[in-house]
C-alpha atoms as a PDB file:
ATOM      1  CA  UNK A   1     -27.773   4.841 -29.782  1.00  0.00           C
ATOM      2  CA  UNK A   2     -29.885   1.689 -30.313  1.00  0.00           C
ATOM      3  CA  UNK A   3     -31.521   0.203 -27.242  1.00  0.00           C
ATOM      4  CA  UNK A   4     -33.074  -3.269 -26.896  1.00  0.00           C
ATOM      5  CA  UNK A   5     -36.122  -3.106 -24.628  1.00  0.00           C
ATOM      6  CA  UNK A   6     -37.601  -6.155 -22.870  1.00  0.00           C
ATOM      7  CA  UNK A   7     -41.076  -6.153 -21.266  1.00  0.00           C
ATOM      8  CA  UNK A   8     -42.510  -9.129 -19.362  1.00  0.00           C
ATOM      9  CA  UNK A   9     -44.369  -7.554 -16.437  1.00  0.00           C
ATOM     10  CA  UNK A  10     -47.638  -9.420 -17.007  1.00  0.00           C
ATOM     11  CA  UNK A  11     -48.859 -11.548 -19.933  1.00  0.00           C
ATOM     12  CA  UNK A  12     -47.325  -9.743 -22.928  1.00  0.00           C
ATOM     13  CA  UNK A  13     -43.907 -10.979 -23.980  1.00  0.00           C
ATOM     14  CA  UNK A  14     -42.442  -8.051 -25.880  1.00  0.00           C
ATOM     15  CA  UNK A  15     -39.029  -7.056 -27.186  1.00  0.00           C
ATOM     16  CA  UNK A  16     -38.264  -3.942 -29.207  1.00  0.00           C
ATOM     17  CA  UNK A  17     -35.391  -1.965 -30.648  1.00  0.00           C
ATOM     18  CA  UNK A  18     -35.569   1.822 -30.496  1.00  0.00           C
ATOM     19  CA  UNK A  19     -33.046   4.285 -31.903  1.00  0.00           C
ATOM     20  CA  UNK A  20     -32.251   7.547 -30.067  1.00  0.00           C
ATOM     21  CA  UNK A  21     -35.243   7.095 -27.782  1.00  0.00           C
ATOM     22  CA  UNK A  22     -37.712   7.852 -30.565  1.00  0.00           C
ATOM     23  CA  UNK A  23     -37.455   5.743 -33.719  1.00  0.00           C
ATOM     24  CA  UNK A  24     -39.006   2.322 -33.334  1.00  0.00           C
ATOM     25  CA  UNK A  25     -36.983  -0.103 -35.448  1.00  0.00           C
ATOM     26  CA  UNK A  26     -38.963  -3.110 -34.221  1.00  0.00           C
ATOM     27  CA  UNK A  27     -41.580  -3.884 -31.592  1.00  0.00           C
ATOM     28  CA  UNK A  28     -42.564  -7.520 -31.282  1.00  0.00           C
ATOM     29  CA  UNK A  29     -45.432  -8.327 -28.926  1.00  0.00           C
ATOM     30  CA  UNK A  30     -46.317 -11.981 -28.328  1.00  0.00           C
ATOM     31  CA  UNK A  31     -49.776 -11.979 -26.757  1.00  0.00           C
ATOM     32  CA  UNK A  32     -50.903 -14.658 -24.339  1.00  0.00           C
ATOM     33  CA  UNK A  33     -54.608 -13.732 -24.561  1.00  0.00           C
ATOM     34  CA  UNK A  34     -55.700 -17.058 -26.064  1.00  0.00           C
ATOM     35  CA  UNK A  35     -53.889 -19.018 -23.355  1.00  0.00           C
ATOM     36  CA  UNK A  36     -55.635 -17.128 -20.520  1.00  0.00           C
ATOM     37  CA  UNK A  37     -59.073 -16.826 -22.139  1.00  0.00           C
ATOM     38  CA  UNK A  38     -60.470 -20.060 -20.592  1.00  0.00           C
ATOM     39  CA  UNK A  39     -60.042 -18.469 -17.157  1.00  0.00           C
ATOM     40  CA  UNK A  40     -61.199 -14.956 -18.172  1.00  0.00           C
ATOM     41  CA  UNK A  41     -58.096 -13.536 -16.561  1.00  0.00           C
ATOM     42  CA  UNK A  42     -54.314 -13.788 -16.353  1.00  0.00           C
ATOM     43  CA  UNK A  43     -53.020 -16.896 -14.585  1.00  0.00           C
ATOM     44  CA  UNK A  44     -49.588 -15.896 -13.179  1.00  0.00           C
ATOM     45  CA  UNK A  45     -48.045 -19.354 -13.379  1.00  0.00           C
ATOM     46  CA  UNK A  46     -49.062 -19.765 -17.018  1.00  0.00           C
ATOM     47  CA  UNK A  47     -47.821 -16.275 -17.814  1.00  0.00           C
ATOM     48  CA  UNK A  48     -44.316 -16.828 -16.401  1.00  0.00           C
ATOM     49  CA  UNK A  49     -43.906 -20.244 -18.027  1.00  0.00           C
ATOM     50  CA  UNK A  50     -44.875 -18.832 -21.440  1.00  0.00           C
ATOM     51  CA  UNK A  51     -42.359 -16.031 -21.018  1.00  0.00           C
ATOM     52  CA  UNK A  52     -39.667 -18.638 -20.418  1.00  0.00           C
ATOM     53  CA  UNK A  53     -40.724 -20.467 -23.604  1.00  0.00           C
ATOM     54  CA  UNK A  54     -41.051 -17.415 -25.812  1.00  0.00           C
ATOM     55  CA  UNK A  55     -38.565 -14.752 -24.774  1.00  0.00           C
ATOM     56  CA  UNK A  56     -35.558 -16.000 -26.722  1.00  0.00           C
ATOM     57  CA  UNK A  57     -37.539 -16.322 -29.961  1.00  0.00           C
ATOM     58  CA  UNK A  58     -39.245 -12.935 -29.495  1.00  0.00           C
ATOM     59  CA  UNK A  59     -35.817 -11.354 -28.937  1.00  0.00           C
ATOM     60  CA  UNK A  60     -34.476 -12.946 -32.121  1.00  0.00           C
ATOM     61  CA  UNK A  61     -37.521 -11.655 -34.085  1.00  0.00           C
ATOM     62  CA  UNK A  62     -37.050  -8.133 -32.717  1.00  0.00           C
ATOM     63  CA  UNK A  63     -33.364  -8.060 -33.684  1.00  0.00           C
ATOM     64  CA  UNK A  64     -34.080  -9.492 -37.123  1.00  0.00           C
ATOM     65  CA  UNK A  65     -36.883  -6.988 -37.786  1.00  0.00           C
ATOM     66  CA  UNK A  66     -34.627  -4.096 -36.721  1.00  0.00           C
ATOM     67  CA  UNK A  67     -31.859  -5.215 -39.117  1.00  0.00           C
ATOM     68  CA  UNK A  68     -29.339  -5.039 -36.266  1.00  0.00           C
ATOM     69  CA  UNK A  69     -27.246  -7.616 -34.415  1.00  0.00           C
ATOM     70  CA  UNK A  70     -26.883  -7.734 -30.678  1.00  0.00           C
ATOM     71  CA  UNK A  71     -23.094  -7.698 -30.894  1.00  0.00           C
ATOM     72  CA  UNK A  72     -22.549  -4.734 -33.229  1.00  0.00           C
ATOM     73  CA  UNK A  73     -25.843  -2.874 -33.534  1.00  0.00           C
ATOM     74  CA  UNK A  74     -27.189  -2.702 -29.987  1.00  0.00           C
ATOM     75  CA  UNK A  75     -25.684  -0.194 -27.570  1.00  0.00           C
ATOM     76  CA  UNK A  76     -27.599  -1.027 -24.433  1.00  0.00           C
ATOM     77  CA  UNK A  77     -30.384  -3.098 -22.923  1.00  0.00           C
ATOM     78  CA  UNK A  78     -33.414  -1.892 -20.908  1.00  0.00           C
ATOM     79  CA  UNK A  79     -35.801  -4.196 -19.072  1.00  0.00           C
ATOM     80  CA  UNK A  80     -38.852  -3.850 -16.876  1.00  0.00           C
ATOM     81  CA  UNK A  81     -38.062  -4.769 -13.274  1.00  0.00           C
ATOM     82  CA  UNK A  82     -41.176  -3.378 -11.532  1.00  0.00           C
ATOM     83  CA  UNK A  83     -44.112  -3.456 -10.870  1.00  0.00           C
ATOM     84  CA  UNK A  84     -45.954  -6.527 -12.101  1.00  0.00           C
ATOM     85  CA  UNK A  85     -46.325 -10.284 -11.628  1.00  0.00           C
ATOM     86  CA  UNK A  86     -43.173 -11.328  -9.832  1.00  0.00           C
ATOM     87  CA  UNK A  87     -42.654 -14.531 -11.845  1.00  0.00           C
ATOM     88  CA  UNK A  88     -43.092 -12.769 -15.173  1.00  0.00           C
ATOM     89  CA  UNK A  89     -40.780  -9.935 -14.124  1.00  0.00           C
ATOM     90  CA  UNK A  90     -38.069 -12.357 -13.075  1.00  0.00           C
ATOM     91  CA  UNK A  91     -38.046 -14.024 -16.478  1.00  0.00           C
ATOM     92  CA  UNK A  92     -37.423 -10.809 -18.362  1.00  0.00           C
ATOM     93  CA  UNK A  93     -35.001  -9.398 -15.820  1.00  0.00           C
ATOM     94  CA  UNK A  94     -32.911 -12.556 -15.626  1.00  0.00           C
ATOM     95  CA  UNK A  95     -32.818 -12.853 -19.363  1.00  0.00           C
ATOM     96  CA  UNK A  96     -31.721  -9.208 -19.798  1.00  0.00           C
ATOM     97  CA  UNK A  97     -28.995  -9.583 -17.217  1.00  0.00           C
ATOM     98  CA  UNK A  98     -27.615 -12.648 -18.968  1.00  0.00           C
ATOM     99  CA  UNK A  99     -27.823 -11.012 -22.365  1.00  0.00           C
ATOM    100  CA  UNK A 100     -26.058  -7.870 -21.150  1.00  0.00           C
ATOM    101  CA  UNK A 101     -23.317  -9.871 -19.440  1.00  0.00           C
ATOM    102  CA  UNK A 102     -22.727 -12.173 -22.385  1.00  0.00           C
ATOM    103  CA  UNK A 103     -22.666  -9.342 -24.937  1.00  0.00           C
ATOM    104  CA  UNK A 104     -20.836  -6.896 -22.619  1.00  0.00           C
ATOM    105  CA  UNK A 105     -23.586  -4.278 -22.896  1.00  0.00           C
ATOM    106  CA  UNK A 106     -24.707  -1.570 -20.493  1.00  0.00           C
ATOM    107  CA  UNK A 107     -28.164  -2.233 -19.070  1.00  0.00           C
ATOM    108  CA  UNK A 108     -30.807  -0.493 -16.999  1.00  0.00           C
ATOM    109  CA  UNK A 109     -33.886  -1.585 -15.066  1.00  0.00           C
ATOM    110  CA  UNK A 110     -36.961   0.448 -15.986  1.00  0.00           C
ATOM    111  CA  UNK A 111     -40.077   1.178 -13.976  1.00  0.00           C
ATOM    112  CA  UNK A 112     -43.132  -0.079 -15.898  1.00  0.00           C
ATOM    113  CA  UNK A 113     -45.341   2.897 -14.891  1.00  0.00           C
ATOM    114  CA  UNK A 114     -42.689   5.425 -15.890  1.00  0.00           C
ATOM    115  CA  UNK A 115     -42.426   3.663 -19.220  1.00  0.00           C
ATOM    116  CA  UNK A 116     -46.184   3.987 -19.835  1.00  0.00           C
ATOM    117  CA  UNK A 117     -45.784   7.731 -19.181  1.00  0.00           C
ATOM    118  CA  UNK A 118     -43.082   7.749 -21.846  1.00  0.00           C
ATOM    119  CA  UNK A 119     -45.022   5.808 -24.517  1.00  0.00           C
ATOM    120  CA  UNK A 120     -46.753   8.900 -25.973  1.00  0.00           C
ATOM    121  CA  UNK A 121     -43.347  10.638 -26.168  1.00  0.00           C
ATOM    122  CA  UNK A 122     -42.262   8.090 -28.769  1.00  0.00           C
ATOM    123  CA  UNK A 123     -44.649   9.700 -31.264  1.00  0.00           C
ATOM    124  CA  UNK A 124     -45.050  13.268 -29.963  1.00  0.00           C
ATOM    125  CA  UNK A 125     -42.983  16.222 -28.785  1.00  0.00           C
ATOM    126  CA  UNK A 126     -44.488  16.982 -25.395  1.00  0.00           C
ATOM    127  CA  UNK A 127     -43.377  19.864 -23.204  1.00  0.00           C
ATOM    128  CA  UNK A 128     -42.736  19.593 -19.477  1.00  0.00           C
ATOM    129  CA  UNK A 129     -44.279  19.882 -17.010  1.00  0.00           C
ATOM    130  CA  UNK A 130     -47.406  17.952 -17.830  1.00  0.00           C
ATOM    131  CA  UNK A 131     -49.995  15.832 -16.101  1.00  0.00           C
ATOM    132  CA  UNK A 132     -49.951  12.081 -16.502  1.00  0.00           C
ATOM    133  CA  UNK A 133     -52.854   9.642 -16.247  1.00  0.00           C
ATOM    134  CA  UNK A 134     -51.908   5.968 -16.153  1.00  0.00           C
ATOM    135  CA  UNK A 135     -54.971   3.730 -16.398  1.00  0.00           C
ATOM    136  CA  UNK A 136     -54.717  -0.044 -16.690  1.00  0.00           C
ATOM    137  CA  UNK A 137     -55.846  -3.282 -15.121  1.00  0.00           C
ATOM    138  CA  UNK A 138     -53.355  -2.803 -12.310  1.00  0.00           C
ATOM    139  CA  UNK A 139     -52.993   0.963 -11.946  1.00  0.00           C
ATOM    140  CA  UNK A 140     -54.995   4.152 -11.857  1.00  0.00           C
ATOM    141  CA  UNK A 141     -52.611   7.037 -11.128  1.00  0.00           C
ATOM    142  CA  UNK A 142     -52.856  10.766 -11.700  1.00  0.00           C
ATOM    143  CA  UNK A 143     -49.509  12.479 -11.489  1.00  0.00           C
ATOM    144  CA  UNK A 144     -47.528  15.602 -12.238  1.00  0.00           C
ATOM    145  CA  UNK A 145     -44.544  14.973 -14.501  1.00  0.00           C
ATOM    146  CA  UNK A 146     -41.620  17.384 -14.274  1.00  0.00           C
ATOM    147  CA  UNK A 147     -39.189  15.365 -16.417  1.00  0.00           C
ATOM    148  CA  UNK A 148     -38.549  11.866 -17.690  1.00  0.00           C
ATOM    149  CA  UNK A 149     -37.609  10.594 -14.224  1.00  0.00           C
ATOM    150  CA  UNK A 150     -39.189  13.126 -11.872  1.00  0.00           C
ATOM    151  CA  UNK A 151     -42.833  12.372 -11.090  1.00  0.00           C
ATOM    152  CA  UNK A 152     -45.072  13.191  -8.139  1.00  0.00           C
ATOM    153  CA  UNK A 153     -48.343  11.358  -7.529  1.00  0.00           C
ATOM    154  CA  UNK A 154     -51.397  13.593  -7.128  1.00  0.00           C
ATOM    155  CA  UNK A 155     -53.982  10.863  -6.787  1.00  0.00           C
ATOM    156  CA  UNK A 156     -54.555   7.154  -7.216  1.00  0.00           C
ATOM    157  CA  UNK A 157     -57.249   4.556  -6.745  1.00  0.00           C
ATOM    158  CA  UNK A 158     -57.974   3.679  -3.121  1.00  0.00           C
ATOM    159  CA  UNK A 159     -59.273   0.229  -4.095  1.00  0.00           C
ATOM    160  CA  UNK A 160     -59.776  -1.330  -7.534  1.00  0.00           C
ATOM    161  CA  UNK A 161     -57.931  -0.092 -10.602  1.00  0.00           C
ATOM    162  CA  UNK A 162     -60.131   1.266 -13.398  1.00  0.00           C
ATOM    163  CA  UNK A 163     -59.169  -1.502 -15.839  1.00  0.00           C
ATOM    164  CA  UNK A 164     -59.725  -4.124 -13.139  1.00  0.00           C
ATOM    165  CA  UNK A 165     -63.308  -2.873 -12.680  1.00  0.00           C
ATOM    166  CA  UNK A 166     -63.873  -3.034 -16.441  1.00  0.00           C
ATOM    167  CA  UNK A 167     -62.599  -6.607 -16.512  1.00  0.00           C
ATOM    168  CA  UNK A 168     -64.707  -7.788 -13.574  1.00  0.00           C
ATOM    169  CA  UNK A 169     -67.927  -6.267 -14.889  1.00  0.00           C
ATOM    170  CA  UNK A 170     -67.230  -7.792 -18.303  1.00  0.00           C
ATOM    171  CA  UNK A 171     -66.550 -11.178 -16.732  1.00  0.00           C
ATOM    172  CA  UNK A 172     -69.755 -11.102 -14.643  1.00  0.00           C
ATOM    173  CA  UNK A 173     -71.901 -10.391 -17.705  1.00  0.00           C
ATOM    174  CA  UNK A 174     -69.930 -12.785 -19.913  1.00  0.00           C
ATOM    175  CA  UNK A 175     -68.960 -10.104 -22.387  1.00  0.00           C
ATOM    176  CA  UNK A 176     -65.773 -11.906 -23.452  1.00  0.00           C
ATOM    177  CA  UNK A 177     -62.019 -11.740 -22.842  1.00  0.00           C
ATOM    178  CA  UNK A 178     -60.086  -9.502 -22.541  1.00  0.00           C
ATOM    179  CA  UNK A 179     -62.927  -7.881 -20.633  1.00  0.00           C
ATOM    180  CA  UNK A 180     -62.046  -4.197 -20.960  1.00  0.00           C
ATOM    181  CA  UNK A 181     -61.660  -4.409 -24.701  1.00  0.00           C
ATOM    182  CA  UNK A 182     -64.910  -6.361 -25.162  1.00  0.00           C
ATOM    183  CA  UNK A 183     -66.893  -4.054 -22.878  1.00  0.00           C
ATOM    184  CA  UNK A 184     -65.632  -0.990 -24.759  1.00  0.00           C
ATOM    185  CA  UNK A 185     -66.735  -2.502 -28.054  1.00  0.00           C
ATOM    186  CA  UNK A 186     -70.190  -3.409 -26.739  1.00  0.00           C
ATOM    187  CA  UNK A 187     -70.628   0.065 -25.283  1.00  0.00           C
ATOM    188  CA  UNK A 188     -70.387   1.671 -28.709  1.00  0.00           C
ATOM    189  CA  UNK A 189     -73.876   0.310 -29.509  1.00  0.00           C
ATOM    190  CA  UNK A 190     -75.471   0.958 -26.104  1.00  0.00           C
ATOM    191  CA  UNK A 191     -77.356   3.716 -24.311  1.00  0.00           C
ATOM    192  CA  UNK A 192     -75.092   5.341 -21.705  1.00  0.00           C
ATOM    193  CA  UNK A 193     -78.162   6.761 -19.954  1.00  0.00           C
ATOM    194  CA  UNK A 194     -79.798   3.376 -19.300  1.00  0.00           C
ATOM    195  CA  UNK A 195     -78.249   3.185 -15.812  1.00  0.00           C
ATOM    196  CA  UNK A 196     -77.392   6.169 -13.609  1.00  0.00           C
ATOM    197  CA  UNK A 197     -74.431   4.661 -11.750  1.00  0.00           C
ATOM    198  CA  UNK A 198     -73.116   6.621  -8.763  1.00  0.00           C
ATOM    199  CA  UNK A 199     -69.870   8.561  -8.455  1.00  0.00           C
ATOM    200  CA  UNK A 200     -67.866   8.178  -5.217  1.00  0.00           C
ATOM    201  CA  UNK A 201     -67.484  11.027  -2.738  1.00  0.00           C
ATOM    202  CA  UNK A 202     -63.994  11.027  -1.253  1.00  0.00           C
ATOM    203  CA  UNK A 203     -64.087  14.256   0.741  1.00  0.00           C
ATOM    204  CA  UNK A 204     -60.719  15.989   0.847  1.00  0.00           C
ATOM    205  CA  UNK A 205     -59.072  13.335  -1.358  1.00  0.00           C
ATOM    206  CA  UNK A 206     -59.610  15.531  -4.389  1.00  0.00           C
ATOM    207  CA  UNK A 207     -57.610  13.599  -6.954  1.00  0.00           C
ATOM    208  CA  UNK A 208     -58.178   9.997  -5.771  1.00  0.00           C
ATOM    209  CA  UNK A 209     -60.350   7.358  -7.460  1.00  0.00           C
ATOM    210  CA  UNK A 210     -62.545   4.542  -6.186  1.00  0.00           C
ATOM    211  CA  UNK A 211     -63.981   1.853  -8.424  1.00  0.00           C
ATOM    212  CA  UNK A 212     -65.192  -0.773  -5.936  1.00  0.00           C
ATOM    213  CA  UNK A 213     -68.543   0.962  -5.432  1.00  0.00           C
ATOM    214  CA  UNK A 214     -69.147   1.413  -9.125  1.00  0.00           C
ATOM    215  CA  UNK A 215     -68.253  -2.213  -9.758  1.00  0.00           C
ATOM    216  CA  UNK A 216     -70.635  -3.362  -7.000  1.00  0.00           C
ATOM    217  CA  UNK A 217     -73.421  -1.152  -8.366  1.00  0.00           C
ATOM    218  CA  UNK A 218     -73.028  -2.596 -11.863  1.00  0.00           C
ATOM    219  CA  UNK A 219     -72.885  -6.210 -10.693  1.00  0.00           C
ATOM    220  CA  UNK A 220     -75.000  -6.504  -7.555  1.00  0.00           C
ATOM    221  CA  UNK A 221     -77.296  -3.474  -7.560  1.00  0.00           C
ATOM    222  CA  UNK A 222     -78.078  -3.099 -11.237  1.00  0.00           C
ATOM    223  CA  UNK A 223     -81.860  -2.538 -10.957  1.00  0.00           C
ATOM    224  CA  UNK A 224     -81.392   0.107  -8.292  1.00  0.00           C
ATOM    225  CA  UNK A 225     -79.730   2.411 -10.811  1.00  0.00           C
ATOM    226  CA  UNK A 226     -81.794   1.530 -13.881  1.00  0.00           C
ATOM    227  CA  UNK A 227     -83.625   4.419 -15.487  1.00  0.00           C
ATOM    228  CA  UNK A 228     -86.871   4.132 -17.416  1.00  0.00           C
ATOM    229  CA  UNK A 229     -85.215   4.881 -20.699  1.00  0.00           C
ATOM    230  CA  UNK A 230     -84.497   1.396 -22.074  1.00  0.00           C
ATOM    231  CA  UNK A 231     -83.798  -2.278 -21.392  1.00  0.00           C
ATOM    232  CA  UNK A 232     -81.077  -3.940 -19.314  1.00  0.00           C
ATOM    233  CA  UNK A 233     -79.142  -5.310 -22.292  1.00  0.00           C
ATOM    234  CA  UNK A 234     -75.419  -6.042 -22.200  1.00  0.00           C
ATOM    235  CA  UNK A 235     -74.752  -3.144 -24.558  1.00  0.00           C
ATOM    236  CA  UNK A 236     -76.621  -0.692 -22.295  1.00  0.00           C
ATOM    237  CA  UNK A 237     -74.890  -1.997 -19.155  1.00  0.00           C
ATOM    238  CA  UNK A 238     -71.535  -1.655 -20.908  1.00  0.00           C
ATOM    239  CA  UNK A 239     -72.274   1.889 -22.186  1.00  0.00           C
ATOM    240  CA  UNK A 240     -73.551   3.125 -18.797  1.00  0.00           C
ATOM    241  CA  UNK A 241     -70.696   1.550 -16.859  1.00  0.00           C
ATOM    242  CA  UNK A 242     -68.095   2.858 -19.309  1.00  0.00           C
ATOM    243  CA  UNK A 243     -69.431   6.405 -19.044  1.00  0.00           C
ATOM    244  CA  UNK A 244     -69.427   6.370 -15.240  1.00  0.00           C
ATOM    245  CA  UNK A 245     -65.930   4.877 -15.083  1.00  0.00           C
ATOM    246  CA  UNK A 246     -64.391   7.297 -17.576  1.00  0.00           C
ATOM    247  CA  UNK A 247     -66.258  10.329 -16.243  1.00  0.00           C
ATOM    248  CA  UNK A 248     -64.604   9.707 -12.910  1.00  0.00           C
ATOM    249  CA  UNK A 249     -61.182   9.908 -14.571  1.00  0.00           C
ATOM    250  CA  UNK A 250     -62.102  13.090 -16.426  1.00  0.00           C
ATOM    251  CA  UNK A 251     -63.510  14.855 -13.360  1.00  0.00           C
ATOM    252  CA  UNK A 252     -60.292  14.309 -11.345  1.00  0.00           C
ATOM    253  CA  UNK A 253     -58.123  15.171 -14.289  1.00  0.00           C
ATOM    254  CA  UNK A 254     -59.879  18.493 -14.993  1.00  0.00           C
ATOM    255  CA  UNK A 255     -59.717  19.388 -11.299  1.00  0.00           C
ATOM    256  CA  UNK A 256     -55.981  18.776 -11.270  1.00  0.00           C
ATOM    257  CA  UNK A 257     -55.548  20.784 -14.481  1.00  0.00           C
ATOM    258  CA  UNK A 258     -57.404  23.711 -12.923  1.00  0.00           C
ATOM    259  CA  UNK A 259     -55.508  23.551  -9.646  1.00  0.00           C
ATOM    260  CA  UNK A 260     -52.034  23.190 -11.229  1.00  0.00           C
ATOM    261  CA  UNK A 261     -52.610  25.406 -14.279  1.00  0.00           C
ATOM    262  CA  UNK A 262     -51.282  22.579 -16.474  1.00  0.00           C
ATOM    263  CA  UNK A 263     -53.596  21.437 -19.279  1.00  0.00           C
ATOM    264  CA  UNK A 264     -51.137  19.130 -21.083  1.00  0.00           C
ATOM    265  CA  UNK A 265     -52.020  15.530 -20.285  1.00  0.00           C
ATOM    266  CA  UNK A 266     -50.182  12.336 -21.263  1.00  0.00           C
ATOM    267  CA  UNK A 267     -52.203   9.135 -21.140  1.00  0.00           C
ATOM    268  CA  UNK A 268     -50.833   5.616 -20.836  1.00  0.00           C
ATOM    269  CA  UNK A 269     -51.862   2.079 -20.033  1.00  0.00           C
ATOM    270  CA  UNK A 270     -54.405  -0.262 -21.587  1.00  0.00           C
ATOM    271  CA  UNK A 271     -57.452   1.845 -20.711  1.00  0.00           C
ATOM    272  CA  UNK A 272     -55.975   4.776 -22.646  1.00  0.00           C
ATOM    273  CA  UNK A 273     -57.163   2.889 -25.736  1.00  0.00           C
ATOM    274  CA  UNK A 274     -60.774   3.316 -24.578  1.00  0.00           C
ATOM    275  CA  UNK A 275     -62.809   4.961 -27.320  1.00  0.00           C
ATOM    276  CA  UNK A 276     -65.022   7.022 -25.064  1.00  0.00           C
ATOM    277  CA  UNK A 277     -62.059   8.383 -23.137  1.00  0.00           C
ATOM    278  CA  UNK A 278     -60.352   9.478 -26.335  1.00  0.00           C
ATOM    279  CA  UNK A 279     -63.488  11.153 -27.665  1.00  0.00           C
ATOM    280  CA  UNK A 280     -64.116  13.082 -24.463  1.00  0.00           C
ATOM    281  CA  UNK A 281     -60.551  14.398 -24.320  1.00  0.00           C
ATOM    282  CA  UNK A 282     -60.461  15.225 -28.041  1.00  0.00           C
ATOM    283  CA  UNK A 283     -63.690  17.206 -27.742  1.00  0.00           C
ATOM    284  CA  UNK A 284     -62.621  19.108 -24.593  1.00  0.00           C
ATOM    285  CA  UNK A 285     -60.853  22.319 -25.620  1.00  0.00           C
ATOM    286  CA  UNK A 286     -59.597  22.839 -22.062  1.00  0.00           C
ATOM    287  CA  UNK A 287     -57.322  19.783 -22.301  1.00  0.00           C
ATOM    288  CA  UNK A 288     -54.301  19.157 -24.538  1.00  0.00           C
ATOM    289  CA  UNK A 289     -54.265  15.403 -24.579  1.00  0.00           C
ATOM    290  CA  UNK A 290     -51.528  13.077 -25.858  1.00  0.00           C
ATOM    291  CA  UNK A 291     -52.386   9.390 -26.359  1.00  0.00           C
ATOM    292  CA  UNK A 292     -50.074   6.629 -27.508  1.00  0.00           C
ATOM    293  CA  UNK A 293     -51.098   4.798 -30.668  1.00  0.00           C
ATOM    294  CA  UNK A 294     -53.144   1.696 -29.898  1.00  0.00           C
ATOM    295  CA  UNK A 295     -50.238  -0.735 -30.145  1.00  0.00           C
ATOM    296  CA  UNK A 296     -48.295   1.354 -27.604  1.00  0.00           C
ATOM    297  CA  UNK A 297     -51.164   1.393 -25.068  1.00  0.00           C
ATOM    298  CA  UNK A 298     -50.627  -2.274 -24.276  1.00  0.00           C
ATOM    299  CA  UNK A 299     -47.469  -3.436 -22.525  1.00  0.00           C
ATOM    300  CA  UNK A 300     -44.647  -3.244 -25.044  1.00  0.00           C
ATOM    301  CA  UNK A 301     -40.873  -3.236 -25.345  1.00  0.00           C
ATOM    302  CA  UNK A 302     -40.686   0.028 -27.261  1.00  0.00           C
ATOM    303  CA  UNK A 303     -41.669   2.150 -24.290  1.00  0.00           C
ATOM    304  CA  UNK A 304     -39.072   0.309 -22.171  1.00  0.00           C
ATOM    305  CA  UNK A 305     -36.348   0.869 -24.750  1.00  0.00           C
ATOM    306  CA  UNK A 306     -37.359   4.489 -25.297  1.00  0.00           C
ATOM    307  CA  UNK A 307     -37.154   5.441 -21.629  1.00  0.00           C
ATOM    308  CA  UNK A 308     -34.109   3.234 -21.141  1.00  0.00           C
ATOM    309  CA  UNK A 309     -32.257   5.253 -23.803  1.00  0.00           C
ATOM    310  CA  UNK A 310     -32.614   8.465 -21.832  1.00  0.00           C
ATOM    311  CA  UNK A 311     -31.607   6.833 -18.556  1.00  0.00           C
ATOM    312  CA  UNK A 312     -28.523   5.228 -20.086  1.00  0.00           C
ATOM    313  CA  UNK A 313     -27.694   8.509 -21.832  1.00  0.00           C
ATOM    314  CA  UNK A 314     -27.582  10.146 -18.389  1.00  0.00           C
ATOM    315  CA  UNK A 315     -25.029   7.565 -17.338  1.00  0.00           C
ATOM    316  CA  UNK A 316     -27.361   5.581 -15.132  1.00  0.00           C
ATOM    317  CA  UNK A 317     -26.775   1.859 -14.838  1.00  0.00           C
ATOM    318  CA  UNK A 318     -28.350  -0.920 -12.787  1.00  0.00           C
ATOM    319  CA  UNK A 319     -26.340  -3.336 -10.608  1.00  0.00           C
ATOM    320  CA  UNK A 320     -26.444  -7.049 -11.325  1.00  0.00           C
ATOM    321  CA  UNK A 321     -28.128  -7.630  -7.988  1.00  0.00           C
ATOM    322  CA  UNK A 322     -31.149  -5.516  -8.960  1.00  0.00           C
ATOM    323  CA  UNK A 323     -34.185  -7.632  -8.115  1.00  0.00           C
ATOM    324  CA  UNK A 324     -37.711  -7.698  -9.454  1.00  0.00           C
ATOM    325  CA  UNK A 325     -40.404  -5.892  -7.430  1.00  0.00           C
ATOM    326  CA  UNK A 326     -44.068  -6.812  -7.634  1.00  0.00           C
ATOM    327  CA  UNK A 327     -45.198  -3.528  -6.079  1.00  0.00           C
ATOM    328  CA  UNK A 328     -43.867   0.004  -5.856  1.00  0.00           C
ATOM    329  CA  UNK A 329     -44.798   2.983  -3.722  1.00  0.00           C
ATOM    330  CA  UNK A 330     -42.472   5.485  -5.423  1.00  0.00           C
ATOM    331  CA  UNK A 331     -41.488   6.045  -9.028  1.00  0.00           C
ATOM    332  CA  UNK A 332     -37.765   6.579  -8.610  1.00  0.00           C
ATOM    333  CA  UNK A 333     -35.490   3.648  -9.389  1.00  0.00           C
ATOM    334  CA  UNK A 334     -32.558   2.596  -7.116  1.00  0.00           C
ATOM    335  CA  UNK A 335     -29.771   3.684  -9.482  1.00  0.00           C
ATOM    336  CA  UNK A 336     -26.218   3.322  -8.153  1.00  0.00           C
END
């Protein structure tokens, strides 16, 4: 079964075709980075308007690259309907509904976070249950994953998302855009011991995260945490901040692994491309980590199509009145 996946939750306009939930036949990602760079962040109005301009052409490219036609080669359509920027979501969702109706295809709305959890499954055989760590500009979530569509949240950020903190620190020190990517690159040449940034104490909230204090320390209280080891260069700030931010993820993750007895961990989201995070997990023999390839860490249609395949295979369908949702408190989708 070949599924067309559409992803427009933020600023990436992506359409992919995936066969049997595993084989990526095409995965076109049209990035808006250059359009948002002057503002050092995503401008929602610009993002949604560009999706309107690009989505039809991106879909045509994805179908052409897959060698299939919508009418005879595609068996179903999957589309992100939550969470994300509401305007961007509405573009993709409305387009998918129209496409499915015109071509008489089954379709399903897919949760963006659940899709990120599935991304590593496109390239790996991963047993259940496992832990999941979704880390991006909008989400920092530690969860226990029992199956493709059965997830329980163990912990989450109580304020800023990890990727958001990366972006804001990078913006303050003019490291470039996109901030998280630029900061990670600068950190490779810095001294991670130049600043001894604090870790939050959350009491009984064993698996939760908090990045607002770390962000404030790096931006407004820099000298307070400076050691005598070296200078306050951008590379040293980046390296020290990166280490503190990622170490927070690892500490909660290892605690959850110990408490649950589950050492398999699936990573997803933009921050899962972070080089320090990947090195730490690879070098830790107590964790069995699964990362998506770099092109599947960003928002992409392949993860939507892959998860959509399994949901459609189970006979799940979405009603035409399914609406976009900017936020979500639970993972489960409102299937009829």
